[in-house]
Amino acid sequence: MVDCCIFDLDGVLVDTARFHYEAWAAIARELGFAFTAAQGEATKGVSRMASLEIVLRAGGLENRFTSAEKEQLAARKNALYLQKVSGMTPADVLPGVRSFLEDVGRHGVSRVLGSASKNAGVILDCCDLRRMFEAVVDGTTVTRAKPDPEVFLQGAARAGAAASSCVVFEDAAAGIEAATRAGMRSVGVGGSPALSGATMQLRSFENFSFDMLCRQID
């Protein structure tokens, strides 16, 4: 039985992963080193400060900055990122996402956003997605980043659903691990080999329905 679907945002519902990478790469260039797309994969699904540590380690600078300086770097990255996402529109929602969310709702199943992003609200509003969720749990309400299961456990609590009846949709290994630690089933979205720990894989939401989910997830 599936009573609640919990969705990550970046890379699952909208393609903002590239914006995160571009912003972190710009910070790295300012610090004097290159941050590759392959290295950027490790920042998916984790908090802003944890992502900063990944970037700094890539440049051998993890011990160079004070906590206050790191906060400034993270704020600079967020400003660069917001410049990019503030121009998003409903057209930026990934193929099949809106129809799948509508289908889940028609079945009376709770739809919850579970994202590490502190900018989730901005993106939901720009893309006209907020109305499609019964609850939103994001980086403004959780204190522990994925792979800690806090964000998903909060989401289940808000939906009044048992963890065993929740299905998490994620595109990052940290998110799949968090779902597992929460006692939830998971769908690895996008087809990355890093998502092999998911209960099932889904390349795209196109032509995917809630009935198909139920048949494949059990």
N, C-alpha and C. Protein backbone atom coordinates (compact mmCIF):
# COMPACT_ATOMS: atom_id res chain seq x y z
N MET A 1 0.84 -1.20 0.00
CA MET A 1 0.00 0.00 0.00
C MET A 1 0.88 1.25 0.00
N VAL A 2 0.47 2.25 -0.76
CA VAL A 2 1.16 3.54 -0.81
C VAL A 2 0.20 4.62 -0.35
N ASP A 3 0.48 5.24 0.77
CA ASP A 3 -0.36 6.31 1.31
C ASP A 3 0.22 7.70 1.08
N CYS A 4 1.52 7.75 0.80
CA CYS A 4 2.19 9.05 0.69
C CYS A 4 3.36 8.95 -0.28
N CYS A 5 3.45 9.90 -1.19
CA CYS A 5 4.60 10.01 -2.08
C CYS A 5 5.38 11.26 -1.69
N ILE A 6 6.67 11.09 -1.44
CA ILE A 6 7.53 12.21 -1.03
C ILE A 6 8.54 12.46 -2.15
N PHE A 7 8.59 13.69 -2.61
CA PHE A 7 9.41 14.03 -3.76
C PHE A 7 10.54 14.98 -3.39
N ASP A 8 11.75 14.61 -3.78
CA ASP A 8 12.83 15.59 -3.80
C ASP A 8 12.49 16.60 -4.89
N LEU A 9 13.17 17.74 -4.89
CA LEU A 9 12.85 18.78 -5.87
C LEU A 9 13.87 18.83 -7.01
N ASP A 10 15.10 19.18 -6.67
CA ASP A 10 16.13 19.38 -7.69
C ASP A 10 16.45 18.07 -8.40
N GLY A 11 16.27 18.06 -9.71
CA GLY A 11 16.59 16.88 -10.49
C GLY A 11 15.50 15.85 -10.56
N VAL A 12 14.44 16.02 -9.76
CA VAL A 12 13.31 15.10 -9.78
C VAL A 12 12.09 15.76 -10.41
N LEU A 13 11.73 16.93 -9.89
CA LEU A 13 10.58 17.66 -10.42
C LEU A 13 10.98 18.74 -11.42
N VAL A 14 12.10 19.35 -11.16
CA VAL A 14 12.62 20.41 -12.04
C VAL A 14 14.11 20.21 -12.22
N ASP A 15 14.63 20.71 -13.33
CA ASP A 15 16.05 20.53 -13.62
C ASP A 15 16.84 21.74 -13.14
N THR A 16 17.09 21.77 -11.83
CA THR A 16 17.88 22.86 -11.26
C THR A 16 19.28 22.39 -10.88
N ALA A 17 19.53 21.09 -11.03
CA ALA A 17 20.84 20.56 -10.64
C ALA A 17 21.96 21.30 -11.37
N ARG A 18 21.72 21.62 -12.65
CA ARG A 18 22.75 22.30 -13.42
C ARG A 18 23.02 23.69 -12.87
N PHE A 19 21.99 24.34 -12.30
CA PHE A 19 22.18 25.67 -11.73
C PHE A 19 23.05 25.60 -10.47
N HIS A 20 22.81 24.56 -9.66
CA HIS A 20 23.65 24.38 -8.47
C HIS A 20 25.11 24.19 -8.89
N TYR A 21 25.32 23.31 -9.85
CA TYR A 21 26.69 23.05 -10.29
C TYR A 21 27.34 24.31 -10.83
N GLU A 22 26.64 25.04 -11.68
CA GLU A 22 27.21 26.24 -12.28
C GLU A 22 27.59 27.27 -11.21
N ALA A 23 26.76 27.38 -10.18
CA ALA A 23 27.05 28.33 -9.10
C ALA A 23 28.27 27.89 -8.29
N TRP A 24 28.35 26.58 -7.97
CA TRP A 24 29.51 26.08 -7.23
C TRP A 24 30.78 26.19 -8.07
N ALA A 25 30.67 25.92 -9.36
CA ALA A 25 31.84 26.02 -10.24
C ALA A 25 32.34 27.46 -10.29
N ALA A 26 31.40 28.42 -10.26
CA ALA A 26 31.79 29.83 -10.26
C ALA A 26 32.53 30.19 -8.98
N ILE A 27 32.05 29.67 -7.85
CA ILE A 27 32.75 29.90 -6.58
C ILE A 27 34.15 29.32 -6.62
N ALA A 28 34.27 28.11 -7.15
CA ALA A 28 35.59 27.47 -7.25
C ALA A 28 36.53 28.31 -8.11
N ARG A 29 36.03 28.81 -9.22
CA ARG A 29 36.88 29.66 -10.08
C ARG A 29 37.34 30.90 -9.33
N GLU A 30 36.46 31.48 -8.55
CA GLU A 30 36.84 32.66 -7.76
C GLU A 30 37.94 32.31 -6.76
N LEU A 31 37.93 31.06 -6.30
CA LEU A 31 38.94 30.61 -5.33
C LEU A 31 40.20 30.08 -6.00
N GLY A 32 40.19 30.02 -7.34
CA GLY A 32 41.40 29.67 -8.06
C GLY A 32 41.55 28.23 -8.49
N PHE A 33 40.46 27.46 -8.54
CA PHE A 33 40.58 26.08 -9.01
C PHE A 33 39.33 25.70 -9.79
N ALA A 34 39.41 24.60 -10.52
CA ALA A 34 38.29 24.12 -11.32
C ALA A 34 37.51 23.07 -10.54
N PHE A 35 36.21 23.14 -10.64
CA PHE A 35 35.32 22.16 -10.01
C PHE A 35 34.53 21.50 -11.13
N THR A 36 34.80 20.22 -11.37
CA THR A 36 34.25 19.54 -12.54
C THR A 36 32.82 19.07 -12.30
N ALA A 37 32.14 18.79 -13.40
CA ALA A 37 30.77 18.27 -13.31
C ALA A 37 30.74 16.94 -12.57
N ALA A 38 31.75 16.11 -12.78
CA ALA A 38 31.82 14.82 -12.08
C ALA A 38 31.93 15.04 -10.57
N GLN A 39 32.74 16.00 -10.16
CA GLN A 39 32.84 16.31 -8.73
C GLN A 39 31.53 16.88 -8.21
N GLY A 40 30.82 17.61 -9.06
CA GLY A 40 29.56 18.21 -8.67
C GLY A 40 28.48 17.21 -8.34
N GLU A 41 28.62 15.97 -8.83
CA GLU A 41 27.63 14.94 -8.54
C GLU A 41 27.50 14.70 -7.04
N ALA A 42 28.60 14.87 -6.32
CA ALA A 42 28.60 14.61 -4.87
C ALA A 42 27.79 15.64 -4.09
N THR A 43 27.48 16.78 -4.71
CA THR A 43 26.72 17.82 -4.01
C THR A 43 25.22 17.62 -4.13
N LYS A 44 24.79 16.68 -4.94
CA LYS A 44 23.36 16.48 -5.14
C LYS A 44 22.71 15.92 -3.88
N GLY A 45 21.62 16.54 -3.49
CA GLY A 45 20.83 16.02 -2.39
C GLY A 45 21.34 16.34 -1.00
N VAL A 46 22.42 17.12 -0.89
CA VAL A 46 22.95 17.45 0.43
C VAL A 46 22.80 18.95 0.68
N SER A 47 22.98 19.36 1.91
CA SER A 47 22.75 20.76 2.28
C SER A 47 23.79 21.68 1.66
N ARG A 48 23.50 22.97 1.73
CA ARG A 48 24.39 23.97 1.15
C ARG A 48 25.77 23.95 1.81
N MET A 49 25.80 23.89 3.15
CA MET A 49 27.10 23.91 3.84
C MET A 49 27.87 22.62 3.60
N ALA A 50 27.16 21.50 3.54
CA ALA A 50 27.84 20.23 3.23
C ALA A 50 28.38 20.26 1.81
N SER A 51 27.64 20.87 0.89
CA SER A 51 28.11 21.01 -0.49
C SER A 51 29.36 21.89 -0.54
N LEU A 52 29.37 22.95 0.24
CA LEU A 52 30.54 23.83 0.28
C LEU A 52 31.77 23.05 0.71
N GLU A 53 31.62 22.20 1.71
CA GLU A 53 32.76 21.40 2.17
C GLU A 53 33.29 20.49 1.05
N ILE A 54 32.37 19.94 0.25
CA ILE A 54 32.78 19.11 -0.88
C ILE A 54 33.58 19.92 -1.88
N VAL A 55 33.11 21.13 -2.16
CA VAL A 55 33.81 22.01 -3.11
C VAL A 55 35.19 22.39 -2.57
N LEU A 56 35.25 22.76 -1.31
CA LEU A 56 36.53 23.17 -0.73
C LEU A 56 37.53 22.01 -0.69
N ARG A 57 37.05 20.81 -0.40
CA ARG A 57 37.95 19.65 -0.42
C ARG A 57 38.49 19.40 -1.82
N ALA A 58 37.66 19.64 -2.82
CA ALA A 58 38.11 19.45 -4.21
C ALA A 58 39.27 20.38 -4.56
N GLY A 59 39.30 21.53 -3.91
CA GLY A 59 40.38 22.49 -4.16
C GLY A 59 41.48 22.45 -3.11
N GLY A 60 41.38 21.49 -2.18
CA GLY A 60 42.38 21.40 -1.11
C GLY A 60 42.33 22.58 -0.15
N LEU A 61 41.14 23.16 0.01
CA LEU A 61 41.01 24.38 0.82
C LEU A 61 40.12 24.18 2.04
N GLU A 62 39.87 22.94 2.42
CA GLU A 62 38.90 22.69 3.48
C GLU A 62 39.28 23.31 4.82
N ASN A 63 40.57 23.56 5.05
CA ASN A 63 41.01 24.13 6.32
C ASN A 63 41.44 25.59 6.20
N ARG A 64 41.12 26.20 5.08
CA ARG A 64 41.60 27.56 4.80
C ARG A 64 40.69 28.64 5.39
N PHE A 65 39.42 28.36 5.59
CA PHE A 65 38.46 29.40 5.92
C PHE A 65 37.84 29.22 7.31
N THR A 66 37.50 30.35 7.92
CA THR A 66 36.80 30.32 9.20
C THR A 66 35.33 30.00 8.94
N SER A 67 34.60 29.72 10.01
CA SER A 67 33.17 29.44 9.87
C SER A 67 32.43 30.63 9.27
N ALA A 68 32.81 31.84 9.69
CA ALA A 68 32.17 33.04 9.15
C ALA A 68 32.46 33.20 7.67
N GLU A 69 33.68 32.91 7.26
CA GLU A 69 34.05 33.01 5.84
C GLU A 69 33.31 31.96 5.01
N LYS A 70 33.12 30.78 5.60
CA LYS A 70 32.37 29.75 4.88
C LYS A 70 30.92 30.16 4.70
N GLU A 71 30.35 30.80 5.71
CA GLU A 71 28.98 31.29 5.58
C GLU A 71 28.88 32.31 4.46
N GLN A 72 29.91 33.16 4.32
CA GLN A 72 29.92 34.16 3.24
C GLN A 72 30.02 33.49 1.88
N LEU A 73 30.84 32.46 1.77
CA LEU A 73 30.96 31.73 0.51
C LEU A 73 29.63 31.06 0.14
N ALA A 74 28.99 30.45 1.13
CA ALA A 74 27.71 29.80 0.87
C ALA A 74 26.65 30.81 0.45
N ALA A 75 26.67 31.98 1.09
CA ALA A 75 25.71 33.02 0.72
C ALA A 75 25.97 33.53 -0.69
N ARG A 76 27.25 33.64 -1.06
CA ARG A 76 27.60 34.06 -2.41
C ARG A 76 27.11 33.04 -3.43
N LYS A 77 27.32 31.76 -3.13
CA LYS A 77 26.82 30.71 -4.03
C LYS A 77 25.30 30.80 -4.17
N ASN A 78 24.60 31.00 -3.04
CA ASN A 78 23.15 31.04 -3.10
C ASN A 78 22.65 32.22 -3.93
N ALA A 79 23.34 33.35 -3.83
CA ALA A 79 22.96 34.52 -4.64
C ALA A 79 23.10 34.21 -6.13
N LEU A 80 24.19 33.54 -6.50
CA LEU A 80 24.40 33.16 -7.89
C LEU A 80 23.31 32.19 -8.35
N TYR A 81 22.96 31.25 -7.48
CA TYR A 81 21.94 30.25 -7.80
C TYR A 81 20.58 30.92 -7.97
N LEU A 82 20.24 31.83 -7.07
CA LEU A 82 18.93 32.49 -7.14
C LEU A 82 18.78 33.33 -8.39
N GLN A 83 19.89 33.90 -8.87
CA GLN A 83 19.84 34.65 -10.12
C GLN A 83 19.35 33.75 -11.25
N LYS A 84 19.77 32.50 -11.20
CA LYS A 84 19.42 31.56 -12.27
C LYS A 84 17.99 31.03 -12.12
N VAL A 85 17.58 30.68 -10.88
CA VAL A 85 16.28 30.04 -10.71
C VAL A 85 15.12 31.03 -10.69
N SER A 86 15.40 32.29 -10.43
CA SER A 86 14.30 33.27 -10.34
C SER A 86 13.60 33.47 -11.68
N GLY A 87 14.26 33.06 -12.75
CA GLY A 87 13.65 33.18 -14.07
C GLY A 87 12.94 31.92 -14.53
N MET A 88 12.82 30.93 -13.65
CA MET A 88 12.15 29.68 -14.02
C MET A 88 10.65 29.91 -14.21
N THR A 89 10.01 29.06 -15.02
CA THR A 89 8.58 29.13 -15.30
C THR A 89 8.01 27.72 -15.24
N PRO A 90 6.68 27.57 -15.34
CA PRO A 90 6.10 26.21 -15.38
C PRO A 90 6.67 25.35 -16.49
N ALA A 91 7.22 25.96 -17.53
CA ALA A 91 7.80 25.18 -18.63
C ALA A 91 9.06 24.43 -18.19
N ASP A 92 9.63 24.82 -17.04
CA ASP A 92 10.85 24.17 -16.56
C ASP A 92 10.57 22.90 -15.75
N VAL A 93 9.30 22.59 -15.51
CA VAL A 93 8.96 21.34 -14.83
C VAL A 93 9.30 20.18 -15.77
N LEU A 94 9.94 19.15 -15.24
CA LEU A 94 10.39 18.04 -16.08
C LEU A 94 9.21 17.28 -16.70
N PRO A 95 9.44 16.68 -17.86
CA PRO A 95 8.36 15.98 -18.58
C PRO A 95 7.67 14.92 -17.74
N GLY A 96 6.34 14.95 -17.77
CA GLY A 96 5.54 13.94 -17.09
C GLY A 96 5.28 14.20 -15.62
N VAL A 97 6.00 15.14 -15.02
CA VAL A 97 5.90 15.37 -13.58
C VAL A 97 4.51 15.86 -13.20
N ARG A 98 4.02 16.87 -13.89
CA ARG A 98 2.73 17.45 -13.50
C ARG A 98 1.59 16.44 -13.62
N SER A 99 1.58 15.67 -14.69
CA SER A 99 0.51 14.68 -14.87
C SER A 99 0.61 13.58 -13.83
N PHE A 100 1.84 13.19 -13.44
CA PHE A 100 1.98 12.16 -12.42
C PHE A 100 1.50 12.69 -11.07
N LEU A 101 1.86 13.91 -10.71
CA LEU A 101 1.40 14.49 -9.45
C LEU A 101 -0.12 14.56 -9.42
N GLU A 102 -0.73 14.95 -10.52
CA GLU A 102 -2.19 15.01 -10.59
C GLU A 102 -2.79 13.62 -10.40
N ASP A 103 -2.16 12.61 -11.00
CA ASP A 103 -2.65 11.24 -10.89
C ASP A 103 -2.57 10.74 -9.45
N VAL A 104 -1.47 11.04 -8.78
CA VAL A 104 -1.32 10.66 -7.37
C VAL A 104 -2.44 11.29 -6.55
N GLY A 105 -2.69 12.57 -6.79
CA GLY A 105 -3.74 13.27 -6.06
C GLY A 105 -5.12 12.67 -6.31
N ARG A 106 -5.40 12.24 -7.53
CA ARG A 106 -6.70 11.65 -7.85
C ARG A 106 -6.93 10.35 -7.08
N HIS A 107 -5.85 9.69 -6.71
CA HIS A 107 -5.97 8.45 -5.94
C HIS A 107 -6.07 8.71 -4.43
N GLY A 108 -6.12 9.97 -4.04
CA GLY A 108 -6.26 10.31 -2.63
C GLY A 108 -5.00 10.08 -1.82
N VAL A 109 -3.86 10.02 -2.50
CA VAL A 109 -2.57 9.79 -1.84
C VAL A 109 -1.89 11.13 -1.57
N SER A 110 -1.33 11.29 -0.38
CA SER A 110 -0.67 12.55 -0.02
C SER A 110 0.57 12.78 -0.85
N ARG A 111 0.78 14.03 -1.24
CA ARG A 111 1.96 14.43 -1.99
C ARG A 111 2.75 15.42 -1.12
N VAL A 112 3.99 15.06 -0.84
CA VAL A 112 4.83 15.86 0.05
C VAL A 112 6.14 16.19 -0.65
N LEU A 113 6.58 17.43 -0.53
CA LEU A 113 7.91 17.79 -1.01
C LEU A 113 8.90 17.57 0.13
N GLY A 114 10.00 16.88 -0.14
CA GLY A 114 11.03 16.65 0.86
C GLY A 114 12.38 17.01 0.28
N SER A 115 12.81 18.25 0.47
CA SER A 115 14.01 18.76 -0.19
C SER A 115 14.96 19.41 0.79
N ALA A 116 16.25 19.29 0.52
CA ALA A 116 17.26 19.96 1.35
C ALA A 116 17.36 21.43 1.01
N SER A 117 16.76 21.85 -0.09
CA SER A 117 16.91 23.22 -0.58
C SER A 117 16.18 24.23 0.30
N LYS A 118 16.85 25.32 0.63
CA LYS A 118 16.21 26.43 1.32
C LYS A 118 15.47 27.34 0.34
N ASN A 119 15.65 27.07 -0.94
CA ASN A 119 15.00 27.87 -1.98
C ASN A 119 13.82 27.13 -2.60
N ALA A 120 13.38 26.06 -1.97
CA ALA A 120 12.31 25.25 -2.55
C ALA A 120 11.05 26.08 -2.79
N GLY A 121 10.71 26.95 -1.86
CA GLY A 121 9.51 27.76 -2.00
C GLY A 121 9.55 28.65 -3.23
N VAL A 122 10.70 29.25 -3.49
CA VAL A 122 10.86 30.11 -4.66
C VAL A 122 10.62 29.31 -5.93
N ILE A 123 11.21 28.13 -6.00
CA ILE A 123 11.08 27.30 -7.20
C ILE A 123 9.65 26.80 -7.38
N LEU A 124 9.01 26.37 -6.29
CA LEU A 124 7.63 25.91 -6.38
C LEU A 124 6.72 27.00 -6.91
N ASP A 125 6.92 28.23 -6.44
CA ASP A 125 6.07 29.34 -6.88
C ASP A 125 6.36 29.73 -8.33
N CYS A 126 7.63 29.78 -8.70
CA CYS A 126 7.98 30.12 -10.08
C CYS A 126 7.41 29.10 -11.07
N CYS A 127 7.38 27.85 -10.65
CA CYS A 127 6.95 26.77 -11.54
C CYS A 127 5.49 26.37 -11.34
N ASP A 128 4.77 27.10 -10.48
CA ASP A 128 3.35 26.82 -10.21
C ASP A 128 3.14 25.38 -9.78
N LEU A 129 3.94 24.94 -8.81
CA LEU A 129 3.83 23.57 -8.30
C LEU A 129 3.32 23.50 -6.85
N ARG A 130 3.36 24.61 -6.13
CA ARG A 130 3.06 24.56 -4.70
C ARG A 130 1.67 23.97 -4.42
N ARG A 131 0.69 24.32 -5.27
CA ARG A 131 -0.68 23.85 -5.05
C ARG A 131 -0.83 22.35 -5.19
N MET A 132 0.19 21.68 -5.72
CA MET A 132 0.09 20.25 -5.95
C MET A 132 0.62 19.42 -4.78
N PHE A 133 0.98 20.09 -3.69
CA PHE A 133 1.51 19.38 -2.52
C PHE A 133 0.68 19.67 -1.28
N GLU A 134 0.43 18.62 -0.53
CA GLU A 134 -0.28 18.77 0.74
C GLU A 134 0.64 19.29 1.84
N ALA A 135 1.95 19.06 1.68
CA ALA A 135 2.92 19.54 2.67
C ALA A 135 4.27 19.77 2.00
N VAL A 136 5.02 20.72 2.55
CA VAL A 136 6.36 21.03 2.05
C VAL A 136 7.33 21.00 3.22
N VAL A 137 8.33 20.14 3.13
CA VAL A 137 9.41 20.09 4.12
C VAL A 137 10.69 20.40 3.37
N ASP A 138 11.40 21.43 3.81
CA ASP A 138 12.60 21.83 3.07
C ASP A 138 13.72 22.24 4.01
N GLY A 139 14.76 22.85 3.46
CA GLY A 139 15.93 23.20 4.24
C GLY A 139 15.69 24.27 5.29
N THR A 140 14.51 24.91 5.25
CA THR A 140 14.20 25.91 6.28
C THR A 140 13.59 25.28 7.52
N THR A 141 13.22 23.99 7.43
CA THR A 141 12.54 23.35 8.56
C THR A 141 13.29 22.13 9.11
N VAL A 142 14.33 21.68 8.41
CA VAL A 142 15.10 20.54 8.91
C VAL A 142 16.49 21.00 9.32
N THR A 143 17.09 20.27 10.24
CA THR A 143 18.41 20.64 10.74
C THR A 143 19.50 19.66 10.32
N ARG A 144 19.09 18.48 9.85
CA ARG A 144 20.07 17.47 9.48
C ARG A 144 19.93 17.13 8.00
N ALA A 145 21.03 17.16 7.29
CA ALA A 145 21.01 16.94 5.84
C ALA A 145 20.95 15.45 5.52
N LYS A 146 20.43 15.14 4.34
CA LYS A 146 20.50 13.77 3.82
C LYS A 146 21.98 13.37 3.73
N PRO A 147 22.33 12.14 4.07
CA PRO A 147 21.47 10.95 4.19
C PRO A 147 20.75 10.75 5.51
N ASP A 148 20.78 11.75 6.41
CA ASP A 148 19.93 11.63 7.59
C ASP A 148 18.48 11.63 7.12
N PRO A 149 17.63 10.80 7.69
CA PRO A 149 16.26 10.67 7.21
C PRO A 149 15.28 11.73 7.71
N GLU A 150 15.78 12.75 8.42
CA GLU A 150 14.88 13.71 9.07
C GLU A 150 13.84 14.30 8.11
N VAL A 151 14.28 14.74 6.92
CA VAL A 151 13.36 15.42 6.00
C VAL A 151 12.21 14.51 5.60
N PHE A 152 12.48 13.22 5.40
CA PHE A 152 11.43 12.30 4.98
C PHE A 152 10.54 11.89 6.15
N LEU A 153 11.13 11.75 7.32
CA LEU A 153 10.32 11.42 8.50
C LEU A 153 9.39 12.57 8.85
N GLN A 154 9.87 13.81 8.69
CA GLN A 154 8.99 14.96 8.90
C GLN A 154 7.86 14.95 7.88
N GLY A 155 8.19 14.64 6.64
CA GLY A 155 7.17 14.60 5.60
C GLY A 155 6.09 13.58 5.89
N ALA A 156 6.50 12.39 6.32
CA ALA A 156 5.54 11.34 6.66
C ALA A 156 4.65 11.78 7.83
N ALA A 157 5.26 12.43 8.82
CA ALA A 157 4.50 12.89 9.97
C ALA A 157 3.44 13.92 9.57
N ARG A 158 3.82 14.82 8.69
CA ARG A 158 2.86 15.84 8.26
C ARG A 158 1.71 15.24 7.46
N ALA A 159 2.00 14.16 6.75
CA ALA A 159 0.96 13.49 5.98
C ALA A 159 0.17 12.50 6.82
N GLY A 160 0.62 12.25 8.05
CA GLY A 160 -0.03 11.27 8.90
C GLY A 160 0.11 9.86 8.38
N ALA A 161 1.25 9.59 7.73
CA ALA A 161 1.47 8.29 7.09
C ALA A 161 2.59 7.52 7.79
N ALA A 162 2.44 6.21 7.84
CA ALA A 162 3.51 5.37 8.37
C ALA A 162 4.65 5.33 7.36
N ALA A 163 5.89 5.25 7.87
CA ALA A 163 7.05 5.22 6.98
C ALA A 163 6.95 4.09 5.96
N SER A 164 6.44 2.95 6.37
CA SER A 164 6.36 1.79 5.48
C SER A 164 5.39 1.99 4.32
N SER A 165 4.52 3.00 4.44
CA SER A 165 3.54 3.26 3.37
C SER A 165 3.97 4.44 2.49
N CYS A 166 5.18 4.96 2.72
CA CYS A 166 5.69 6.09 1.95
C CYS A 166 6.65 5.63 0.85
N VAL A 167 6.61 6.33 -0.27
CA VAL A 167 7.55 6.10 -1.35
C VAL A 167 8.26 7.42 -1.64
N VAL A 168 9.58 7.38 -1.65
CA VAL A 168 10.40 8.58 -1.87
C VAL A 168 10.93 8.57 -3.30
N PHE A 169 10.84 9.71 -3.96
CA PHE A 169 11.38 9.88 -5.31
C PHE A 169 12.63 10.74 -5.22
N GLU A 170 13.77 10.19 -5.63
CA GLU A 170 15.07 10.86 -5.44
C GLU A 170 15.97 10.67 -6.66
N ASP A 171 16.86 11.65 -6.87
CA ASP A 171 17.85 11.50 -7.94
C ASP A 171 19.26 11.45 -7.41
N ALA A 172 19.41 11.43 -6.07
CA ALA A 172 20.74 11.44 -5.45
C ALA A 172 20.92 10.26 -4.53
N ALA A 173 22.14 9.74 -4.49
CA ALA A 173 22.44 8.59 -3.64
C ALA A 173 22.17 8.90 -2.17
N ALA A 174 22.48 10.13 -1.75
CA ALA A 174 22.25 10.52 -0.36
C ALA A 174 20.76 10.46 -0.02
N GLY A 175 19.91 10.81 -0.97
CA GLY A 175 18.48 10.76 -0.75
C GLY A 175 17.96 9.34 -0.69
N ILE A 176 18.48 8.47 -1.54
CA ILE A 176 18.08 7.06 -1.50
C ILE A 176 18.48 6.44 -0.16
N GLU A 177 19.67 6.75 0.30
CA GLU A 177 20.11 6.24 1.61
C GLU A 177 19.22 6.77 2.73
N ALA A 178 18.84 8.05 2.63
CA ALA A 178 17.96 8.63 3.65
C ALA A 178 16.61 7.93 3.68
N ALA A 179 16.08 7.63 2.50
CA ALA A 179 14.81 6.93 2.43
C ALA A 179 14.92 5.54 3.08
N THR A 180 15.99 4.84 2.78
CA THR A 180 16.20 3.51 3.35
C THR A 180 16.30 3.59 4.87
N ARG A 181 17.04 4.58 5.36
CA ARG A 181 17.19 4.74 6.81
C ARG A 181 15.87 5.12 7.47
N ALA A 182 14.98 5.76 6.70
CA ALA A 182 13.66 6.13 7.23
C ALA A 182 12.69 4.95 7.21
N GLY A 183 13.09 3.83 6.59
CA GLY A 183 12.20 2.68 6.48
C GLY A 183 11.19 2.82 5.37
N MET A 184 11.56 3.60 4.33
CA MET A 184 10.67 3.86 3.21
C MET A 184 11.18 3.22 1.94
N ARG A 185 10.27 2.92 1.02
CA ARG A 185 10.66 2.48 -0.30
C ARG A 185 11.08 3.70 -1.12
N SER A 186 11.85 3.46 -2.18
CA SER A 186 12.37 4.59 -2.94
C SER A 186 12.37 4.32 -4.43
N VAL A 187 12.27 5.41 -5.19
CA VAL A 187 12.36 5.38 -6.64
C VAL A 187 13.54 6.25 -7.05
N GLY A 188 14.52 5.63 -7.70
CA GLY A 188 15.67 6.38 -8.19
C GLY A 188 15.33 6.98 -9.55
N VAL A 189 15.26 8.30 -9.62
CA VAL A 189 14.82 8.99 -10.83
C VAL A 189 16.02 9.45 -11.65
N GLY A 190 16.04 9.13 -12.93
CA GLY A 190 17.06 9.63 -13.83
C GLY A 190 17.99 8.59 -14.40
N GLY A 191 18.04 7.42 -13.80
CA GLY A 191 18.84 6.35 -14.36
C GLY A 191 20.30 6.33 -14.01
N SER A 192 20.73 7.11 -13.02
CA SER A 192 22.14 7.10 -12.64
C SER A 192 22.51 5.79 -11.94
N PRO A 193 23.71 5.24 -12.25
CA PRO A 193 24.17 4.03 -11.56
C PRO A 193 24.30 4.23 -10.05
N ALA A 194 24.45 5.48 -9.62
CA ALA A 194 24.59 5.77 -8.19
C ALA A 194 23.31 5.49 -7.42
N LEU A 195 22.21 5.25 -8.14
CA LEU A 195 20.91 5.04 -7.49
C LEU A 195 20.55 3.56 -7.38
N SER A 196 21.54 2.70 -7.49
CA SER A 196 21.29 1.26 -7.49
C SER A 196 20.65 0.76 -6.21
N GLY A 197 20.77 1.52 -5.13
CA GLY A 197 20.17 1.10 -3.87
C GLY A 197 18.68 1.37 -3.77
N ALA A 198 18.09 2.01 -4.78
CA ALA A 198 16.67 2.32 -4.75
C ALA A 198 15.83 1.06 -4.93
N THR A 199 14.61 1.09 -4.43
CA THR A 199 13.70 -0.04 -4.58
C THR A 199 13.40 -0.30 -6.05
N MET A 200 13.24 0.78 -6.82
CA MET A 200 13.04 0.67 -8.25
C MET A 200 13.64 1.88 -8.95
N GLN A 201 13.85 1.77 -10.25
CA GLN A 201 14.44 2.84 -11.04
C GLN A 201 13.41 3.41 -12.01
N LEU A 202 13.50 4.71 -12.27
CA LEU A 202 12.60 5.38 -13.20
C LEU A 202 13.40 6.42 -13.95
N ARG A 203 13.49 6.25 -15.26
CA ARG A 203 14.27 7.21 -16.04
C ARG A 203 13.56 8.54 -16.16
N SER A 204 12.24 8.50 -16.33
CA SER A 204 11.46 9.72 -16.53
C SER A 204 10.03 9.47 -16.08
N PHE A 205 9.32 10.55 -15.71
CA PHE A 205 7.92 10.45 -15.34
C PHE A 205 7.00 10.37 -16.56
N GLU A 206 7.53 10.56 -17.74
CA GLU A 206 6.71 10.51 -18.94
C GLU A 206 6.03 9.14 -19.06
N ASN A 207 4.72 9.18 -19.27
CA ASN A 207 3.91 7.96 -19.45
C ASN A 207 3.94 7.05 -18.23
N PHE A 208 4.23 7.62 -17.07
CA PHE A 208 4.26 6.85 -15.83
C PHE A 208 3.04 7.22 -15.00
N SER A 209 2.39 6.23 -14.41
CA SER A 209 1.17 6.48 -13.64
C SER A 209 1.30 5.94 -12.22
N PHE A 210 0.35 6.34 -11.37
CA PHE A 210 0.35 5.84 -9.99
C PHE A 210 0.10 4.34 -9.97
N ASP A 211 -0.78 3.85 -10.84
CA ASP A 211 -1.02 2.40 -10.89
C ASP A 211 0.25 1.64 -11.25
N MET A 212 1.03 2.18 -12.18
CA MET A 212 2.30 1.56 -12.56
C MET A 212 3.26 1.53 -11.38
N LEU A 213 3.27 2.62 -10.61
CA LEU A 213 4.11 2.66 -9.41
C LEU A 213 3.74 1.54 -8.46
N CYS A 214 2.45 1.40 -8.19
CA CYS A 214 2.00 0.39 -7.23
C CYS A 214 2.35 -1.02 -7.68
N ARG A 215 2.26 -1.25 -8.98
CA ARG A 215 2.57 -2.59 -9.50
C ARG A 215 4.06 -2.90 -9.41
N GLN A 216 4.90 -1.88 -9.56
CA GLN A 216 6.34 -2.11 -9.63
C GLN A 216 7.07 -1.98 -8.28
N ILE A 217 6.49 -1.22 -7.35
CA ILE A 217 7.22 -0.93 -6.11
C ILE A 217 7.12 -2.08 -5.11
N ASP A 218 6.11 -2.92 -5.23
CA ASP A 218 5.94 -4.03 -4.26
C ASP A 218 6.64 -5.30 -4.71
